[in-house]
Amino acid sequence: MKKSLGFVLCCSIPFWLPQLAFAHSSIINNKAWQVCENQAKSDACEYTDNHEDIYRGSCQLMSEKLLCVRNQPIVKGNPDSATH
């Protein structure tokens, strides 16, 4: 029983690892950069994604450019509006 449970757990790692890593991926929405183009550091910013989720935060310096960094909870939009 213990061997089969260990086998199942080991075999499921390739499935779960990408799921966990995706939550902390480095993919950044281009809108997060665009909304801060004409702003100053620490200015308030807001943008929406393709799901119409609203991200609110402040412009922070990243890689010598300003990026809208979320500092408030995501306001969920319409899940049917996603374009895949």
PDB file of N, CA and C in Angstrom:
ATOM      1  N   MET A   1       0.824  -1.196   0.000  1.00  0.00           N
ATOM      2  CA  MET A   1       0.000   0.000   0.000  1.00  0.00           C
ATOM      3  C   MET A   1       0.865   1.255   0.000  1.00  0.00           C
ATOM      4  N   LYS A   2       1.909   1.281   0.870  1.00  0.00           N
ATOM      5  CA  LYS A   2       2.770   2.458   0.934  1.00  0.00           C
ATOM      6  C   LYS A   2       3.549   2.661  -0.360  1.00  0.00           C
ATOM      7  N   LYS A   3       3.969   1.548  -0.992  1.00  0.00           N
ATOM      8  CA  LYS A   3       4.720   1.652  -2.235  1.00  0.00           C
ATOM      9  C   LYS A   3       3.846   2.210  -3.354  1.00  0.00           C
ATOM     10  N   SER A   4       2.609   1.755  -3.420  1.00  0.00           N
ATOM     11  CA  SER A   4       1.735   2.239  -4.489  1.00  0.00           C
ATOM     12  C   SER A   4       1.360   3.706  -4.275  1.00  0.00           C
ATOM     13  N   LEU A   5       1.202   4.125  -3.029  1.00  0.00           N
ATOM     14  CA  LEU A   5       0.907   5.527  -2.750  1.00  0.00           C
ATOM     15  C   LEU A   5       2.104   6.401  -3.120  1.00  0.00           C
ATOM     16  N   GLY A   6       3.303   5.946  -2.784  1.00  0.00           N
ATOM     17  CA  GLY A   6       4.517   6.671  -3.147  1.00  0.00           C
ATOM     18  C   GLY A   6       4.674   6.768  -4.656  1.00  0.00           C
ATOM     19  N   PHE A   7       4.353   5.684  -5.359  1.00  0.00           N
ATOM     20  CA  PHE A   7       4.433   5.685  -6.815  1.00  0.00           C
ATOM     21  C   PHE A   7       3.460   6.697  -7.416  1.00  0.00           C
ATOM     22  N   VAL A   8       2.236   6.706  -6.919  1.00  0.00           N
ATOM     23  CA  VAL A   8       1.222   7.648  -7.412  1.00  0.00           C
ATOM     24  C   VAL A   8       1.656   9.085  -7.153  1.00  0.00           C
ATOM     25  N   LEU A   9       2.173   9.356  -5.975  1.00  0.00           N
ATOM     26  CA  LEU A   9       2.621  10.704  -5.659  1.00  0.00           C
ATOM     27  C   LEU A   9       3.778  11.136  -6.564  1.00  0.00           C
ATOM     28  N   CYS A  10       4.737  10.248  -6.776  1.00  0.00           N
ATOM     29  CA  CYS A  10       5.877  10.568  -7.649  1.00  0.00           C
ATOM     30  C   CYS A  10       5.443  10.806  -9.085  1.00  0.00           C
ATOM     31  N   CYS A  11       4.492  10.020  -9.550  1.00  0.00           N
ATOM     32  CA  CYS A  11       4.022  10.162 -10.934  1.00  0.00           C
ATOM     33  C   CYS A  11       3.175  11.418 -11.121  1.00  0.00           C
ATOM     34  N   SER A  12       2.581  11.920 -10.062  1.00  0.00           N
ATOM     35  CA  SER A  12       1.727  13.102 -10.201  1.00  0.00           C
ATOM     36  C   SER A  12       2.503  14.413 -10.108  1.00  0.00           C
ATOM     37  N   ILE A  13       3.771  14.357  -9.688  1.00  0.00           N
ATOM     38  CA  ILE A  13       4.576  15.582  -9.574  1.00  0.00           C
ATOM     39  C   ILE A  13       4.668  16.324 -10.908  1.00  0.00           C
ATOM     40  N   PRO A  14       4.932  15.653 -12.042  1.00  0.00           N
ATOM     41  CA  PRO A  14       4.997  16.401 -13.305  1.00  0.00           C
ATOM     42  C   PRO A  14       3.690  17.111 -13.652  1.00  0.00           C
ATOM     43  N   PHE A  15       2.577  16.604 -13.157  1.00  0.00           N
ATOM     44  CA  PHE A  15       1.297  17.269 -13.402  1.00  0.00           C
ATOM     45  C   PHE A  15       1.127  18.497 -12.516  1.00  0.00           C
ATOM     46  N   TRP A  16       1.439  18.397 -11.239  1.00  0.00           N
ATOM     47  CA  TRP A  16       1.181  19.483 -10.297  1.00  0.00           C
ATOM     48  C   TRP A  16       2.229  20.589 -10.323  1.00  0.00           C
ATOM     49  N   LEU A  17       3.467  20.264 -10.595  1.00  0.00           N
ATOM     50  CA  LEU A  17       4.528  21.264 -10.562  1.00  0.00           C
ATOM     51  C   LEU A  17       4.275  22.435 -11.515  1.00  0.00           C
ATOM     52  N   PRO A  18       3.915  22.214 -12.778  1.00  0.00           N
ATOM     53  CA  PRO A  18       3.645  23.365 -13.644  1.00  0.00           C
ATOM     54  C   PRO A  18       2.456  24.195 -13.166  1.00  0.00           C
ATOM     55  N   GLN A  19       1.481  23.551 -12.552  1.00  0.00           N
ATOM     56  CA  GLN A  19       0.317  24.282 -12.051  1.00  0.00           C
ATOM     57  C   GLN A  19       0.717  25.245 -10.944  1.00  0.00           C
ATOM     58  N   LEU A  20       1.578  24.797 -10.050  1.00  0.00           N
ATOM     59  CA  LEU A  20       2.039  25.636  -8.951  1.00  0.00           C
ATOM     60  C   LEU A  20       2.963  26.737  -9.452  1.00  0.00           C
ATOM     61  N   ALA A  21       3.822  26.421 -10.383  1.00  0.00           N
ATOM     62  CA  ALA A  21       4.775  27.400 -10.903  1.00  0.00           C
ATOM     63  C   ALA A  21       4.067  28.492 -11.690  1.00  0.00           C
ATOM     64  N   PHE A  22       2.972  28.177 -12.363  1.00  0.00           N
ATOM     65  CA  PHE A  22       2.253  29.163 -13.165  1.00  0.00           C
ATOM     66  C   PHE A  22       1.734  30.308 -12.312  1.00  0.00           C
ATOM     67  N   ALA A  23       1.364  30.033 -11.090  1.00  0.00           N
ATOM     68  CA  ALA A  23       0.839  31.074 -10.209  1.00  0.00           C
ATOM     69  C   ALA A  23       1.876  32.151  -9.936  1.00  0.00           C
ATOM     70  N   HIS A  24       3.146  31.820 -10.063  1.00  0.00           N
ATOM     71  CA  HIS A  24       4.215  32.785  -9.812  1.00  0.00           C
ATOM     72  C   HIS A  24       5.054  33.003 -11.065  1.00  0.00           C
ATOM     73  N   SER A  25       4.428  32.896 -12.227  1.00  0.00           N
ATOM     74  CA  SER A  25       5.186  33.043 -13.464  1.00  0.00           C
ATOM     75  C   SER A  25       5.598  34.486 -13.676  1.00  0.00           C
ATOM     76  N   SER A  26       6.567  34.676 -14.535  1.00  0.00           N
ATOM     77  CA  SER A  26       7.073  36.019 -14.779  1.00  0.00           C
ATOM     78  C   SER A  26       6.379  36.699 -15.948  1.00  0.00           C
ATOM     79  N   ILE A  27       5.334  36.098 -16.465  1.00  0.00           N
ATOM     80  CA  ILE A  27       4.596  36.711 -17.566  1.00  0.00           C
ATOM     81  C   ILE A  27       3.826  37.906 -17.019  1.00  0.00           C
ATOM     82  N   ILE A  28       4.087  39.070 -17.597  1.00  0.00           N
ATOM     83  CA  ILE A  28       3.442  40.290 -17.136  1.00  0.00           C
ATOM     84  C   ILE A  28       2.610  40.852 -18.276  1.00  0.00           C
ATOM     85  N   ASN A  29       1.390  41.208 -17.976  1.00  0.00           N
ATOM     86  CA  ASN A  29       0.493  41.809 -18.944  1.00  0.00           C
ATOM     87  C   ASN A  29       1.100  43.118 -19.451  1.00  0.00           C
ATOM     88  N   ASN A  30       1.126  43.313 -20.765  1.00  0.00           N
ATOM     89  CA  ASN A  30       1.672  44.550 -21.335  1.00  0.00           C
ATOM     90  C   ASN A  30       0.946  45.790 -20.835  1.00  0.00           C
ATOM     91  N   LYS A  31      -0.332  45.650 -20.493  1.00  0.00           N
ATOM     92  CA  LYS A  31      -1.089  46.796 -19.989  1.00  0.00           C
ATOM     93  C   LYS A  31      -0.499  47.319 -18.682  1.00  0.00           C
ATOM     94  N   ALA A  32       0.114  46.434 -17.900  1.00  0.00           N
ATOM     95  CA  ALA A  32       0.726  46.848 -16.636  1.00  0.00           C
ATOM     96  C   ALA A  32       1.878  47.816 -16.884  1.00  0.00           C
ATOM     97  N   TRP A  33       2.565  47.657 -18.010  1.00  0.00           N
ATOM     98  CA  TRP A  33       3.640  48.591 -18.375  1.00  0.00           C
ATOM     99  C   TRP A  33       3.045  49.859 -18.985  1.00  0.00           C
ATOM    100  N   GLN A  34       2.055  49.690 -19.869  1.00  0.00           N
ATOM    101  CA  GLN A  34       1.497  50.815 -20.629  1.00  0.00           C
ATOM    102  C   GLN A  34       0.822  51.864 -19.746  1.00  0.00           C
ATOM    103  N   VAL A  35       0.121  51.438 -18.707  1.00  0.00           N
ATOM    104  CA  VAL A  35      -0.611  52.409 -17.887  1.00  0.00           C
ATOM    105  C   VAL A  35       0.315  53.327 -17.104  1.00  0.00           C
ATOM    106  N   CYS A  36       1.571  52.947 -16.962  1.00  0.00           N
ATOM    107  CA  CYS A  36       2.521  53.771 -16.199  1.00  0.00           C
ATOM    108  C   CYS A  36       3.487  54.558 -17.085  1.00  0.00           C
ATOM    109  N   GLU A  37       3.322  54.481 -18.412  1.00  0.00           N
ATOM    110  CA  GLU A  37       4.248  55.151 -19.320  1.00  0.00           C
ATOM    111  C   GLU A  37       4.392  56.647 -19.038  1.00  0.00           C
ATOM    112  N   ASN A  38       3.300  57.317 -18.753  1.00  0.00           N
ATOM    113  CA  ASN A  38       3.325  58.768 -18.541  1.00  0.00           C
ATOM    114  C   ASN A  38       3.058  59.134 -17.081  1.00  0.00           C
ATOM    115  N   GLN A  39       3.387  58.215 -16.178  1.00  0.00           N
ATOM    116  CA  GLN A  39       3.152  58.421 -14.759  1.00  0.00           C
ATOM    117  C   GLN A  39       4.476  58.586 -14.024  1.00  0.00           C
ATOM    118  N   ALA A  40       4.383  58.960 -12.776  1.00  0.00           N
ATOM    119  CA  ALA A  40       5.559  59.046 -11.901  1.00  0.00           C
ATOM    120  C   ALA A  40       5.544  57.857 -10.946  1.00  0.00           C
ATOM    121  N   LYS A  41       6.706  57.548 -10.391  1.00  0.00           N
ATOM    122  CA  LYS A  41       6.799  56.458  -9.434  1.00  0.00           C
ATOM    123  C   LYS A  41       5.833  56.706  -8.280  1.00  0.00           C
ATOM    124  N   SER A  42       5.143  55.681  -7.863  1.00  0.00           N
ATOM    125  CA  SER A  42       4.165  55.665  -6.765  1.00  0.00           C
ATOM    126  C   SER A  42       2.806  56.253  -7.140  1.00  0.00           C
ATOM    127  N   ASP A  43       2.622  56.700  -8.392  1.00  0.00           N
ATOM    128  CA  ASP A  43       1.292  57.144  -8.824  1.00  0.00           C
ATOM    129  C   ASP A  43       0.345  55.954  -8.832  1.00  0.00           C
ATOM    130  N   ALA A  44      -0.924  56.207  -8.565  1.00  0.00           N
ATOM    131  CA  ALA A  44      -1.937  55.151  -8.625  1.00  0.00           C
ATOM    132  C   ALA A  44      -2.125  54.723 -10.073  1.00  0.00           C
ATOM    133  N   CYS A  45      -2.404  53.428 -10.284  1.00  0.00           N
ATOM    134  CA  CYS A  45      -2.636  52.907 -11.634  1.00  0.00           C
ATOM    135  C   CYS A  45      -3.710  51.822 -11.585  1.00  0.00           C
ATOM    136  N   GLU A  46      -4.266  51.546 -12.750  1.00  0.00           N
ATOM    137  CA  GLU A  46      -5.323  50.538 -12.872  1.00  0.00           C
ATOM    138  C   GLU A  46      -5.362  50.054 -14.311  1.00  0.00           C
ATOM    139  N   TYR A  47      -5.575  48.763 -14.495  1.00  0.00           N
ATOM    140  CA  TYR A  47      -5.752  48.209 -15.838  1.00  0.00           C
ATOM    141  C   TYR A  47      -6.628  46.969 -15.750  1.00  0.00           C
ATOM    142  N   THR A  48      -7.153  46.542 -16.900  1.00  0.00           N
ATOM    143  CA  THR A  48      -7.981  45.334 -16.962  1.00  0.00           C
ATOM    144  C   THR A  48      -7.307  44.323 -17.884  1.00  0.00           C
ATOM    145  N   ASP A  49      -7.577  43.036 -17.622  1.00  0.00           N
ATOM    146  CA  ASP A  49      -7.045  41.990 -18.495  1.00  0.00           C
ATOM    147  C   ASP A  49      -8.136  41.521 -19.444  1.00  0.00           C
ATOM    148  N   ASN A  50      -7.867  40.442 -20.198  1.00  0.00           N
ATOM    149  CA  ASN A  50      -8.853  39.965 -21.170  1.00  0.00           C
ATOM    150  C   ASN A  50     -10.072  39.307 -20.528  1.00  0.00           C
ATOM    151  N   HIS A  51     -10.044  39.080 -19.219  1.00  0.00           N
ATOM    152  CA  HIS A  51     -11.208  38.556 -18.493  1.00  0.00           C
ATOM    153  C   HIS A  51     -12.007  39.696 -17.868  1.00  0.00           C
ATOM    154  N   GLU A  52     -11.579  40.927 -18.131  1.00  0.00           N
ATOM    155  CA  GLU A  52     -12.153  42.134 -17.545  1.00  0.00           C
ATOM    156  C   GLU A  52     -11.926  42.217 -16.041  1.00  0.00           C
ATOM    157  N   ASP A  53     -10.909  41.501 -15.532  1.00  0.00           N
ATOM    158  CA  ASP A  53     -10.516  41.634 -14.132  1.00  0.00           C
ATOM    159  C   ASP A  53      -9.793  42.969 -13.984  1.00  0.00           C
ATOM    160  N   ILE A  54     -10.050  43.680 -12.899  1.00  0.00           N
ATOM    161  CA  ILE A  54      -9.442  44.987 -12.675  1.00  0.00           C
ATOM    162  C   ILE A  54      -8.297  44.841 -11.676  1.00  0.00           C
ATOM    163  N   TYR A  55      -7.140  45.346 -12.060  1.00  0.00           N
ATOM    164  CA  TYR A  55      -5.935  45.333 -11.236  1.00  0.00           C
ATOM    165  C   TYR A  55      -5.631  46.769 -10.835  1.00  0.00           C
ATOM    166  N   ARG A  56      -5.526  47.036  -9.543  1.00  0.00           N
ATOM    167  CA  ARG A  56      -5.229  48.368  -9.043  1.00  0.00           C
ATOM    168  C   ARG A  56      -3.971  48.319  -8.198  1.00  0.00           C
ATOM    169  N   GLY A  57      -3.138  49.337  -8.380  1.00  0.00           N
ATOM    170  CA  GLY A  57      -1.901  49.378  -7.623  1.00  0.00           C
ATOM    171  C   GLY A  57      -1.219  50.710  -7.769  1.00  0.00           C
ATOM    172  N   SER A  58       0.117  50.668  -7.805  1.00  0.00           N
ATOM    173  CA  SER A  58       0.901  51.885  -7.984  1.00  0.00           C
ATOM    174  C   SER A  58       2.053  51.594  -8.938  1.00  0.00           C
ATOM    175  N   CYS A  59       2.506  52.627  -9.632  1.00  0.00           N
ATOM    176  CA  CYS A  59       3.603  52.503 -10.580  1.00  0.00           C
ATOM    177  C   CYS A  59       4.911  52.351  -9.809  1.00  0.00           C
ATOM    178  N   GLN A  60       5.639  51.289 -10.113  1.00  0.00           N
ATOM    179  CA  GLN A  60       6.914  51.011  -9.456  1.00  0.00           C
ATOM    180  C   GLN A  60       7.980  50.755 -10.519  1.00  0.00           C
ATOM    181  N   LEU A  61       9.204  51.085 -10.201  1.00  0.00           N
ATOM    182  CA  LEU A  61      10.313  50.933 -11.131  1.00  0.00           C
ATOM    183  C   LEU A  61      10.746  49.473 -11.218  1.00  0.00           C
ATOM    184  N   MET A  62      10.690  48.915 -12.438  1.00  0.00           N
ATOM    185  CA  MET A  62      11.120  47.543 -12.713  1.00  0.00           C
ATOM    186  C   MET A  62      11.896  47.566 -14.023  1.00  0.00           C
ATOM    187  N   SER A  63      13.107  47.101 -14.003  1.00  0.00           N
ATOM    188  CA  SER A  63      13.935  47.045 -15.219  1.00  0.00           C
ATOM    189  C   SER A  63      14.013  48.409 -15.903  1.00  0.00           C
ATOM    190  N   GLU A  64      14.196  49.434 -15.118  1.00  0.00           N
ATOM    191  CA  GLU A  64      14.353  50.812 -15.581  1.00  0.00           C
ATOM    192  C   GLU A  64      13.104  51.385 -16.254  1.00  0.00           C
ATOM    193  N   LYS A  65      11.955  50.734 -16.075  1.00  0.00           N
ATOM    194  CA  LYS A  65      10.679  51.236 -16.572  1.00  0.00           C
ATOM    195  C   LYS A  65       9.663  51.130 -15.443  1.00  0.00           C
ATOM    196  N   LEU A  66       8.613  51.951 -15.541  1.00  0.00           N
ATOM    197  CA  LEU A  66       7.557  51.884 -14.530  1.00  0.00           C
ATOM    198  C   LEU A  66       6.557  50.793 -14.892  1.00  0.00           C
ATOM    199  N   LEU A  67       6.133  50.060 -13.891  1.00  0.00           N
ATOM    200  CA  LEU A  67       5.194  48.948 -14.029  1.00  0.00           C
ATOM    201  C   LEU A  67       4.106  49.116 -12.989  1.00  0.00           C
ATOM    202  N   CYS A  68       2.860  48.864 -13.365  1.00  0.00           N
ATOM    203  CA  CYS A  68       1.752  48.920 -12.410  1.00  0.00           C
ATOM    204  C   CYS A  68       1.799  47.654 -11.559  1.00  0.00           C
ATOM    205  N   VAL A  69       2.136  47.828 -10.289  1.00  0.00           N
ATOM    206  CA  VAL A  69       2.249  46.710  -9.349  1.00  0.00           C
ATOM    207  C   VAL A  69       0.999  46.691  -8.477  1.00  0.00           C
ATOM    208  N   ARG A  70       0.276  45.586  -8.528  1.00  0.00           N
ATOM    209  CA  ARG A  70      -0.986  45.472  -7.787  1.00  0.00           C
ATOM    210  C   ARG A  70      -0.736  45.511  -6.285  1.00  0.00           C
ATOM    211  N   ASN A  71      -1.531  46.331  -5.587  1.00  0.00           N
ATOM    212  CA  ASN A  71      -1.453  46.379  -4.129  1.00  0.00           C
ATOM    213  C   ASN A  71      -2.844  46.292  -3.498  1.00  0.00           C
ATOM    214  N   GLN A  72      -3.818  45.930  -4.322  1.00  0.00           N
ATOM    215  CA  GLN A  72      -5.189  45.748  -3.855  1.00  0.00           C
ATOM    216  C   GLN A  72      -5.711  44.431  -4.419  1.00  0.00           C
ATOM    217  N   PRO A  73      -6.772  43.898  -3.833  1.00  0.00           N
ATOM    218  CA  PRO A  73      -7.333  42.648  -4.363  1.00  0.00           C
ATOM    219  C   PRO A  73      -7.810  42.820  -5.804  1.00  0.00           C
ATOM    220  N   ILE A  74      -7.724  41.757  -6.576  1.00  0.00           N
ATOM    221  CA  ILE A  74      -8.204  41.766  -7.954  1.00  0.00           C
ATOM    222  C   ILE A  74      -9.725  41.799  -7.929  1.00  0.00           C
ATOM    223  N   VAL A  75     -10.315  42.712  -8.711  1.00  0.00           N
ATOM    224  CA  VAL A  75     -11.766  42.790  -8.842  1.00  0.00           C
ATOM    225  C   VAL A  75     -12.124  41.926 -10.044  1.00  0.00           C
ATOM    226  N   LYS A  76     -12.794  40.807  -9.785  1.00  0.00           N
ATOM    227  CA  LYS A  76     -13.104  39.849 -10.842  1.00  0.00           C
ATOM    228  C   LYS A  76     -14.125  40.421 -11.813  1.00  0.00           C
ATOM    229  N   GLY A  77     -13.864  40.195 -13.106  1.00  0.00           N
ATOM    230  CA  GLY A  77     -14.753  40.659 -14.165  1.00  0.00           C
ATOM    231  C   GLY A  77     -15.605  39.541 -14.677  1.00  0.00           C
ATOM    232  N   ASN A  78     -15.829  39.561 -15.978  1.00  0.00           N
ATOM    233  CA  ASN A  78     -16.688  38.602 -16.628  1.00  0.00           C
ATOM    234  C   ASN A  78     -15.853  37.424 -17.139  1.00  0.00           C
ATOM    235  N   PRO A  79     -16.033  36.206 -16.592  1.00  0.00           N
ATOM    236  CA  PRO A  79     -15.217  35.069 -17.032  1.00  0.00           C
ATOM    237  C   PRO A  79     -15.491  34.635 -18.469  1.00  0.00           C
ATOM    238  N   ASP A  80     -16.646  35.012 -19.041  1.00  0.00           N
ATOM    239  CA  ASP A  80     -16.967  34.632 -20.412  1.00  0.00           C
ATOM    240  C   ASP A  80     -16.316  35.550 -21.439  1.00  0.00           C
ATOM    241  N   SER A  81     -15.667  36.624 -21.008  1.00  0.00           N
ATOM    242  CA  SER A  81     -15.101  37.571 -21.950  1.00  0.00           C
ATOM    243  C   SER A  81     -13.687  37.207 -22.386  1.00  0.00           C
ATOM    244  N   ALA A  82     -13.146  36.110 -21.894  1.00  0.00           N
ATOM    245  CA  ALA A  82     -11.775  35.720 -22.238  1.00  0.00           C
ATOM    246  C   ALA A  82     -11.709  35.332 -23.708  1.00  0.00           C
ATOM    247  N   THR A  83     -10.623  35.723 -24.341  1.00  0.00           N
ATOM    248  CA  THR A  83     -10.401  35.337 -25.736  1.00  0.00           C
ATOM    249  C   THR A  83      -9.245  34.366 -25.791  1.00  0.00           C
ATOM    250  N   HIS A  84      -9.527  33.147 -26.221  1.00  0.00           N
ATOM    251  CA  HIS A  84      -8.468  32.131 -26.302  1.00  0.00           C
ATOM    252  C   HIS A  84      -8.287  31.733 -27.732  1.00  0.00           C
TER     253      HIS A  84
END
